[in-house]
Amino acid sequence: MFKRFISTKPPPFHKQGGSTVRIQSPEHKLKSTRAKESPFVQELVLTGRPNWEKAPPQLKQRYKGIFLVLLSVPIIFITSFEMYQRLEGQSTKKIQQGEKLPTGENRDFDEMEKYKVEKESVMYKLFGKDFFLDGFTSKTMKVDKNEKGK
């Protein structure tokens, strides 16, 4: 009845009789001493500053990778914190309240102009209505007739 579940062969991902201990060859030790003799390392030891023109491409690539990871950590933290505050309703998105005329005077927008400016923004086009707008909410924004048809 359950013969199809019983297997006599071991799974293919298990190694039979393989050692988990790796033996280092003397060639590996020679490569590490060669790195100390490279012009990049010698100049780094003498001056204390890296000359990236003399660096091997593997080192440049590794440095760029570490730099990008360290650069992305604060960016991810800040955006996550802001998104969390927006979802909790503690932070509101500011909308454009008016415009500056060429004469230097400020002209305030009425509610319809504020709605029009918000609707034409890139963020509105990408993500739709924002639930936590400063001034009016998505509940007060009327649904257009052409949006109902979609």
N, C-alpha and C. Protein backbone atom coordinates (compact mmCIF):
# COMPACT_ATOMS: atom_id res chain seq x y z
N MET A 1 0.81 -1.19 0.00
CA MET A 1 0.00 0.00 0.00
C MET A 1 0.86 1.26 0.00
N PHE A 2 1.90 1.31 0.85
CA PHE A 2 2.75 2.49 0.93
C PHE A 2 4.12 2.24 0.31
N LYS A 3 4.21 1.38 -0.67
CA LYS A 3 5.51 1.05 -1.26
C LYS A 3 6.13 2.24 -1.98
N ARG A 4 5.32 3.09 -2.53
CA ARG A 4 5.89 4.21 -3.28
C ARG A 4 6.59 5.21 -2.36
N PHE A 5 6.29 5.22 -1.07
CA PHE A 5 6.94 6.12 -0.13
C PHE A 5 8.22 5.54 0.45
N ILE A 6 8.37 4.23 0.41
CA ILE A 6 9.55 3.59 0.96
C ILE A 6 10.60 3.51 -0.15
N SER A 7 11.79 4.00 0.14
CA SER A 7 12.85 4.00 -0.85
C SER A 7 14.04 3.24 -0.29
N THR A 8 14.65 2.45 -1.14
CA THR A 8 15.84 1.71 -0.71
C THR A 8 17.10 2.50 -1.00
N LYS A 9 17.04 3.45 -1.90
CA LYS A 9 18.22 4.25 -2.24
C LYS A 9 18.28 5.49 -1.35
N PRO A 10 19.49 5.89 -0.96
CA PRO A 10 19.59 7.14 -0.20
C PRO A 10 19.34 8.33 -1.13
N PRO A 11 18.91 9.43 -0.58
CA PRO A 11 18.68 10.61 -1.43
C PRO A 11 19.95 11.02 -2.15
N PRO A 12 19.84 11.60 -3.36
CA PRO A 12 21.03 11.93 -4.15
C PRO A 12 21.87 13.06 -3.58
N PHE A 13 21.35 13.85 -2.66
CA PHE A 13 22.11 14.99 -2.16
C PHE A 13 23.05 14.62 -1.02
N HIS A 14 23.01 13.37 -0.51
CA HIS A 14 23.93 12.95 0.54
C HIS A 14 25.19 12.38 -0.08
N LYS A 15 26.33 12.76 0.46
CA LYS A 15 27.61 12.22 0.00
C LYS A 15 27.90 10.94 0.76
N GLN A 16 28.37 9.96 0.07
CA GLN A 16 28.72 8.70 0.72
C GLN A 16 30.21 8.68 0.99
N GLY A 17 30.60 8.69 2.24
CA GLY A 17 32.00 8.54 2.61
C GLY A 17 32.86 9.75 2.32
N GLY A 18 32.29 10.90 2.10
CA GLY A 18 33.07 12.09 1.81
C GLY A 18 33.53 12.77 3.09
N SER A 19 34.71 13.31 3.08
CA SER A 19 35.25 13.99 4.24
C SER A 19 34.83 15.46 4.21
N THR A 20 34.51 16.00 5.36
CA THR A 20 34.14 17.41 5.44
C THR A 20 35.34 18.29 5.75
N VAL A 21 36.48 17.68 6.07
CA VAL A 21 37.69 18.44 6.38
C VAL A 21 38.43 18.73 5.09
N ARG A 22 38.77 19.98 4.87
CA ARG A 22 39.51 20.35 3.66
C ARG A 22 40.98 20.48 4.01
N ILE A 23 41.79 19.93 3.16
CA ILE A 23 43.23 19.99 3.36
C ILE A 23 43.76 21.11 2.49
N GLN A 24 44.51 22.03 3.10
CA GLN A 24 45.06 23.15 2.35
C GLN A 24 46.34 22.71 1.66
N SER A 25 46.43 23.10 0.42
CA SER A 25 47.64 22.77 -0.34
C SER A 25 48.66 23.89 -0.16
N PRO A 26 49.94 23.60 -0.40
CA PRO A 26 50.96 24.65 -0.26
C PRO A 26 50.80 25.76 -1.30
N GLU A 27 50.10 25.50 -2.43
CA GLU A 27 49.90 26.54 -3.44
C GLU A 27 49.08 27.70 -2.87
N HIS A 28 48.13 27.37 -2.00
CA HIS A 28 47.29 28.42 -1.41
C HIS A 28 48.12 29.37 -0.55
N LYS A 29 49.08 28.86 0.15
CA LYS A 29 49.94 29.70 0.98
C LYS A 29 50.83 30.59 0.12
N LEU A 30 51.25 30.08 -1.05
CA LEU A 30 52.08 30.89 -1.94
C LEU A 30 51.30 32.07 -2.51
N LYS A 31 50.02 31.85 -2.79
CA LYS A 31 49.21 32.94 -3.34
C LYS A 31 49.05 34.07 -2.34
N SER A 32 48.93 33.74 -1.05
CA SER A 32 48.76 34.80 -0.06
C SER A 32 50.04 35.63 0.10
N THR A 33 51.20 35.00 -0.09
CA THR A 33 52.44 35.77 -0.01
C THR A 33 52.62 36.63 -1.24
N ARG A 34 52.10 36.18 -2.37
CA ARG A 34 52.20 36.99 -3.59
C ARG A 34 51.38 38.27 -3.46
N ALA A 35 50.26 38.20 -2.74
CA ALA A 35 49.43 39.39 -2.58
C ALA A 35 50.18 40.48 -1.81
N LYS A 36 51.02 40.08 -0.88
CA LYS A 36 51.78 41.07 -0.12
C LYS A 36 52.86 41.73 -0.98
N GLU A 37 53.27 41.05 -2.04
CA GLU A 37 54.30 41.59 -2.92
C GLU A 37 53.72 42.46 -4.03
N SER A 38 52.39 42.56 -4.14
CA SER A 38 51.79 43.33 -5.23
C SER A 38 52.07 44.82 -5.03
N PRO A 39 52.15 45.58 -6.12
CA PRO A 39 52.44 47.02 -6.00
C PRO A 39 51.35 47.77 -5.25
N PHE A 40 50.11 47.30 -5.35
CA PHE A 40 49.01 47.96 -4.63
C PHE A 40 49.22 47.87 -3.12
N VAL A 41 49.55 46.67 -2.63
CA VAL A 41 49.74 46.47 -1.19
C VAL A 41 50.98 47.20 -0.70
N GLN A 42 52.05 47.16 -1.50
CA GLN A 42 53.28 47.84 -1.08
C GLN A 42 53.05 49.35 -0.94
N GLU A 43 52.35 49.94 -1.90
CA GLU A 43 52.09 51.38 -1.83
C GLU A 43 51.12 51.69 -0.69
N LEU A 44 50.17 50.80 -0.44
CA LEU A 44 49.23 50.99 0.66
C LEU A 44 49.95 50.98 2.01
N VAL A 45 50.92 50.08 2.15
CA VAL A 45 51.68 50.00 3.40
C VAL A 45 52.56 51.24 3.57
N LEU A 46 53.17 51.70 2.49
CA LEU A 46 54.07 52.86 2.58
C LEU A 46 53.32 54.16 2.84
N THR A 47 52.26 54.41 2.07
CA THR A 47 51.58 55.70 2.15
C THR A 47 50.38 55.70 3.07
N GLY A 48 49.76 54.55 3.24
CA GLY A 48 48.54 54.48 4.05
C GLY A 48 47.29 54.81 3.27
N ARG A 49 47.44 55.12 1.98
CA ARG A 49 46.29 55.43 1.12
C ARG A 49 46.27 54.46 -0.06
N PRO A 50 45.10 53.98 -0.42
CA PRO A 50 45.04 53.05 -1.55
C PRO A 50 45.12 53.78 -2.89
N ASN A 51 45.90 53.22 -3.79
CA ASN A 51 45.95 53.71 -5.17
C ASN A 51 45.15 52.71 -6.00
N TRP A 52 43.90 53.06 -6.30
CA TRP A 52 42.98 52.10 -6.92
C TRP A 52 43.36 51.78 -8.36
N GLU A 53 44.24 52.55 -8.97
CA GLU A 53 44.68 52.23 -10.32
C GLU A 53 45.55 50.97 -10.32
N LYS A 54 46.25 50.72 -9.22
CA LYS A 54 47.12 49.54 -9.13
C LYS A 54 46.41 48.34 -8.51
N ALA A 55 45.20 48.51 -8.06
CA ALA A 55 44.48 47.42 -7.39
C ALA A 55 44.01 46.38 -8.41
N PRO A 56 44.02 45.11 -8.03
CA PRO A 56 43.50 44.07 -8.93
C PRO A 56 41.98 44.21 -9.07
N PRO A 57 41.43 43.76 -10.20
CA PRO A 57 39.99 43.94 -10.44
C PRO A 57 39.11 43.24 -9.40
N GLN A 58 39.56 42.09 -8.86
CA GLN A 58 38.75 41.40 -7.85
C GLN A 58 38.60 42.26 -6.60
N LEU A 59 39.67 42.93 -6.22
CA LEU A 59 39.63 43.78 -5.03
C LEU A 59 38.72 44.99 -5.26
N LYS A 60 38.80 45.57 -6.46
CA LYS A 60 37.94 46.70 -6.78
C LYS A 60 36.47 46.29 -6.72
N GLN A 61 36.17 45.12 -7.28
CA GLN A 61 34.79 44.64 -7.31
C GLN A 61 34.29 44.37 -5.89
N ARG A 62 35.12 43.78 -5.07
CA ARG A 62 34.73 43.50 -3.69
C ARG A 62 34.51 44.80 -2.90
N TYR A 63 35.38 45.77 -3.11
CA TYR A 63 35.25 47.06 -2.43
C TYR A 63 33.95 47.75 -2.84
N LYS A 64 33.63 47.72 -4.14
CA LYS A 64 32.39 48.34 -4.60
C LYS A 64 31.18 47.64 -4.01
N GLY A 65 31.23 46.31 -3.91
CA GLY A 65 30.12 45.57 -3.31
C GLY A 65 29.90 45.93 -1.86
N ILE A 66 30.98 45.99 -1.10
CA ILE A 66 30.87 46.36 0.32
C ILE A 66 30.37 47.80 0.46
N PHE A 67 30.87 48.68 -0.40
CA PHE A 67 30.43 50.08 -0.36
C PHE A 67 28.94 50.20 -0.65
N LEU A 68 28.44 49.46 -1.65
CA LEU A 68 27.02 49.54 -1.99
C LEU A 68 26.15 48.97 -0.88
N VAL A 69 26.60 47.91 -0.24
CA VAL A 69 25.83 47.34 0.88
C VAL A 69 25.76 48.34 2.03
N LEU A 70 26.90 48.93 2.38
CA LEU A 70 26.91 49.90 3.48
C LEU A 70 26.12 51.16 3.13
N LEU A 71 26.09 51.53 1.86
CA LEU A 71 25.31 52.69 1.43
C LEU A 71 23.82 52.39 1.49
N SER A 72 23.43 51.16 1.17
CA SER A 72 22.01 50.83 1.11
C SER A 72 21.37 50.68 2.49
N VAL A 73 22.15 50.37 3.52
CA VAL A 73 21.58 50.16 4.86
C VAL A 73 20.86 51.41 5.37
N PRO A 74 21.48 52.60 5.38
CA PRO A 74 20.72 53.76 5.86
C PRO A 74 19.55 54.14 4.96
N ILE A 75 19.69 53.93 3.66
CA ILE A 75 18.59 54.25 2.75
C ILE A 75 17.39 53.35 3.04
N ILE A 76 17.64 52.06 3.23
CA ILE A 76 16.55 51.14 3.54
C ILE A 76 15.93 51.48 4.89
N PHE A 77 16.75 51.80 5.87
CA PHE A 77 16.24 52.14 7.21
C PHE A 77 15.36 53.38 7.17
N ILE A 78 15.82 54.43 6.50
CA ILE A 78 15.06 55.68 6.46
C ILE A 78 13.74 55.50 5.73
N THR A 79 13.76 54.84 4.58
CA THR A 79 12.52 54.64 3.83
C THR A 79 11.55 53.74 4.58
N SER A 80 12.07 52.70 5.25
CA SER A 80 11.19 51.83 6.03
C SER A 80 10.55 52.58 7.18
N PHE A 81 11.34 53.40 7.86
CA PHE A 81 10.81 54.20 8.98
C PHE A 81 9.72 55.16 8.50
N GLU A 82 9.96 55.81 7.37
CA GLU A 82 8.97 56.76 6.84
C GLU A 82 7.71 56.03 6.39
N MET A 83 7.86 54.87 5.75
CA MET A 83 6.68 54.10 5.34
C MET A 83 5.88 53.65 6.56
N TYR A 84 6.57 53.22 7.62
CA TYR A 84 5.88 52.80 8.84
C TYR A 84 5.10 53.96 9.44
N GLN A 85 5.72 55.13 9.49
CA GLN A 85 5.02 56.29 10.05
C GLN A 85 3.83 56.70 9.18
N ARG A 86 3.98 56.59 7.87
CA ARG A 86 2.87 56.93 6.98
C ARG A 86 1.71 55.97 7.18
N LEU A 87 2.01 54.67 7.32
CA LEU A 87 0.94 53.69 7.50
C LEU A 87 0.26 53.82 8.86
N GLU A 88 1.00 54.25 9.86
CA GLU A 88 0.43 54.45 11.19
C GLU A 88 -0.33 55.77 11.28
N GLY A 89 -0.21 56.62 10.28
CA GLY A 89 -0.89 57.91 10.29
C GLY A 89 -0.17 58.98 11.09
N GLN A 90 1.07 58.73 11.48
CA GLN A 90 1.83 59.71 12.26
C GLN A 90 2.51 60.74 11.38
N SER A 91 2.68 60.43 10.11
CA SER A 91 3.34 61.35 9.18
C SER A 91 2.39 61.59 8.01
N THR A 92 2.23 62.82 7.62
CA THR A 92 1.34 63.13 6.51
C THR A 92 2.13 63.72 5.36
N LYS A 93 1.64 63.48 4.17
CA LYS A 93 2.27 64.02 2.97
C LYS A 93 1.80 65.46 2.78
N LYS A 94 2.72 66.35 2.57
CA LYS A 94 2.37 67.75 2.35
C LYS A 94 1.97 67.93 0.90
N ILE A 95 0.94 68.72 0.68
CA ILE A 95 0.53 69.02 -0.68
C ILE A 95 0.82 70.48 -0.97
N GLN A 96 0.86 70.79 -2.25
CA GLN A 96 1.16 72.16 -2.67
C GLN A 96 -0.03 73.05 -2.34
N GLN A 97 0.21 74.09 -1.57
CA GLN A 97 -0.86 74.97 -1.10
C GLN A 97 -1.10 76.16 -2.02
N GLY A 98 -0.11 76.48 -2.85
CA GLY A 98 -0.26 77.64 -3.73
C GLY A 98 0.93 77.76 -4.66
N GLU A 99 1.03 78.92 -5.31
CA GLU A 99 2.15 79.14 -6.23
C GLU A 99 2.63 80.58 -6.09
N LYS A 100 3.86 80.80 -6.52
CA LYS A 100 4.44 82.13 -6.48
C LYS A 100 4.31 82.74 -7.87
N LEU A 101 3.71 83.89 -7.95
CA LEU A 101 3.52 84.57 -9.23
C LEU A 101 4.80 85.27 -9.66
N PRO A 102 4.96 85.59 -10.95
CA PRO A 102 6.16 86.29 -11.42
C PRO A 102 6.37 87.65 -10.75
N THR A 103 5.31 88.24 -10.24
CA THR A 103 5.43 89.54 -9.56
C THR A 103 5.97 89.39 -8.14
N GLY A 104 6.07 88.14 -7.65
CA GLY A 104 6.60 87.90 -6.31
C GLY A 104 5.52 87.64 -5.28
N GLU A 105 4.25 87.74 -5.67
CA GLU A 105 3.15 87.50 -4.74
C GLU A 105 2.83 86.01 -4.68
N ASN A 106 2.29 85.59 -3.55
CA ASN A 106 1.84 84.21 -3.39
C ASN A 106 0.34 84.12 -3.65
N ARG A 107 -0.06 83.14 -4.44
CA ARG A 107 -1.48 82.90 -4.70
C ARG A 107 -1.84 81.54 -4.14
N ASP A 108 -2.80 81.50 -3.22
CA ASP A 108 -3.22 80.24 -2.61
C ASP A 108 -4.18 79.51 -3.55
N PHE A 109 -4.08 78.19 -3.53
CA PHE A 109 -4.98 77.36 -4.33
C PHE A 109 -6.28 77.14 -3.57
N ASP A 110 -7.38 76.98 -4.33
CA ASP A 110 -8.60 76.51 -3.69
C ASP A 110 -8.58 74.97 -3.70
N GLU A 111 -9.61 74.35 -3.15
CA GLU A 111 -9.61 72.89 -2.98
C GLU A 111 -9.51 72.16 -4.32
N MET A 112 -10.17 72.66 -5.36
CA MET A 112 -10.15 71.99 -6.66
C MET A 112 -8.75 72.05 -7.28
N GLU A 113 -8.07 73.18 -7.12
CA GLU A 113 -6.71 73.29 -7.65
C GLU A 113 -5.74 72.39 -6.89
N LYS A 114 -5.92 72.29 -5.56
CA LYS A 114 -5.09 71.38 -4.78
C LYS A 114 -5.28 69.94 -5.25
N TYR A 115 -6.54 69.58 -5.48
CA TYR A 115 -6.85 68.24 -5.94
C TYR A 115 -6.24 67.98 -7.32
N LYS A 116 -6.32 68.99 -8.19
CA LYS A 116 -5.78 68.84 -9.54
C LYS A 116 -4.26 68.67 -9.51
N VAL A 117 -3.57 69.47 -8.69
CA VAL A 117 -2.11 69.37 -8.58
C VAL A 117 -1.72 68.00 -8.03
N GLU A 118 -2.44 67.53 -7.01
CA GLU A 118 -2.14 66.22 -6.43
C GLU A 118 -2.39 65.10 -7.45
N LYS A 119 -3.46 65.23 -8.22
CA LYS A 119 -3.80 64.18 -9.19
C LYS A 119 -2.79 64.12 -10.33
N GLU A 120 -2.15 65.23 -10.65
CA GLU A 120 -1.17 65.25 -11.73
C GLU A 120 0.24 64.90 -11.25
N SER A 121 0.41 64.66 -9.95
CA SER A 121 1.75 64.34 -9.43
C SER A 121 2.16 62.93 -9.84
N VAL A 122 3.46 62.70 -9.86
CA VAL A 122 4.00 61.40 -10.25
C VAL A 122 3.62 60.33 -9.24
N MET A 123 3.66 60.66 -7.95
CA MET A 123 3.33 59.68 -6.92
C MET A 123 1.88 59.23 -7.02
N TYR A 124 0.98 60.14 -7.37
CA TYR A 124 -0.43 59.78 -7.53
C TYR A 124 -0.60 58.85 -8.72
N LYS A 125 0.14 59.14 -9.80
CA LYS A 125 0.03 58.30 -10.99
C LYS A 125 0.59 56.91 -10.75
N LEU A 126 1.65 56.82 -9.93
CA LEU A 126 2.25 55.51 -9.65
C LEU A 126 1.44 54.71 -8.63
N PHE A 127 1.05 55.33 -7.51
CA PHE A 127 0.47 54.59 -6.39
C PHE A 127 -1.00 54.87 -6.14
N GLY A 128 -1.58 55.82 -6.83
CA GLY A 128 -2.99 56.11 -6.60
C GLY A 128 -3.18 57.09 -5.45
N LYS A 129 -4.41 57.12 -4.93
CA LYS A 129 -4.74 58.07 -3.86
C LYS A 129 -3.93 57.77 -2.61
N ASP A 130 -3.52 58.83 -1.93
CA ASP A 130 -2.79 58.69 -0.67
C ASP A 130 -3.79 58.81 0.47
N PHE A 131 -3.74 57.88 1.41
CA PHE A 131 -4.72 57.87 2.49
C PHE A 131 -4.43 58.93 3.55
N PHE A 132 -3.22 59.43 3.61
CA PHE A 132 -2.86 60.36 4.67
C PHE A 132 -2.35 61.67 4.10
N LEU A 133 -3.16 62.31 3.27
CA LEU A 133 -2.77 63.61 2.73
C LEU A 133 -3.05 64.70 3.75
N ASP A 134 -2.22 65.73 3.76
CA ASP A 134 -2.43 66.86 4.66
C ASP A 134 -3.41 67.81 3.98
N GLY A 135 -4.58 67.97 4.52
CA GLY A 135 -5.56 68.87 3.93
C GLY A 135 -6.83 68.15 3.54
N PHE A 136 -6.70 67.06 2.83
CA PHE A 136 -7.87 66.24 2.52
C PHE A 136 -7.42 64.79 2.41
N THR A 137 -8.36 63.89 2.59
CA THR A 137 -8.04 62.46 2.57
C THR A 137 -8.60 61.85 1.30
N SER A 138 -8.31 60.58 1.11
CA SER A 138 -8.81 59.90 -0.08
C SER A 138 -10.33 59.77 -0.03
N LYS A 139 -10.91 59.87 1.17
CA LYS A 139 -12.37 59.80 1.27
C LYS A 139 -13.01 61.09 0.78
N THR A 140 -12.33 62.22 0.93
CA THR A 140 -12.90 63.48 0.48
C THR A 140 -12.61 63.73 -0.99
N MET A 141 -11.66 62.99 -1.58
CA MET A 141 -11.36 63.16 -3.00
C MET A 141 -12.44 62.43 -3.80
N LYS A 142 -13.09 63.14 -4.66
CA LYS A 142 -14.16 62.56 -5.46
C LYS A 142 -13.57 61.63 -6.51
N VAL A 143 -14.31 60.58 -6.83
CA VAL A 143 -13.89 59.65 -7.88
C VAL A 143 -14.35 60.23 -9.21
N ASP A 144 -13.43 60.34 -10.16
CA ASP A 144 -13.78 60.87 -11.46
C ASP A 144 -14.65 59.89 -12.23
N LYS A 145 -15.43 60.42 -13.16
CA LYS A 145 -16.30 59.56 -13.97
C LYS A 145 -15.49 58.64 -14.87
N ASN A 146 -14.36 59.14 -15.40
CA ASN A 146 -13.55 58.30 -16.29
C ASN A 146 -12.80 57.22 -15.51
N GLU A 147 -12.56 57.41 -14.19
CA GLU A 147 -11.93 56.37 -13.38
C GLU A 147 -12.92 55.27 -13.03
N LYS A 148 -14.22 55.61 -12.93
CA LYS A 148 -15.23 54.60 -12.63
C LYS A 148 -15.36 53.60 -13.77
N GLY A 149 -15.16 54.07 -14.99
CA GLY A 149 -15.30 53.21 -16.16
C GLY A 149 -14.19 52.20 -16.31
N LYS A 150 -13.07 52.40 -15.64
CA LYS A 150 -11.92 51.50 -15.80
C LYS A 150 -12.11 50.20 -15.09
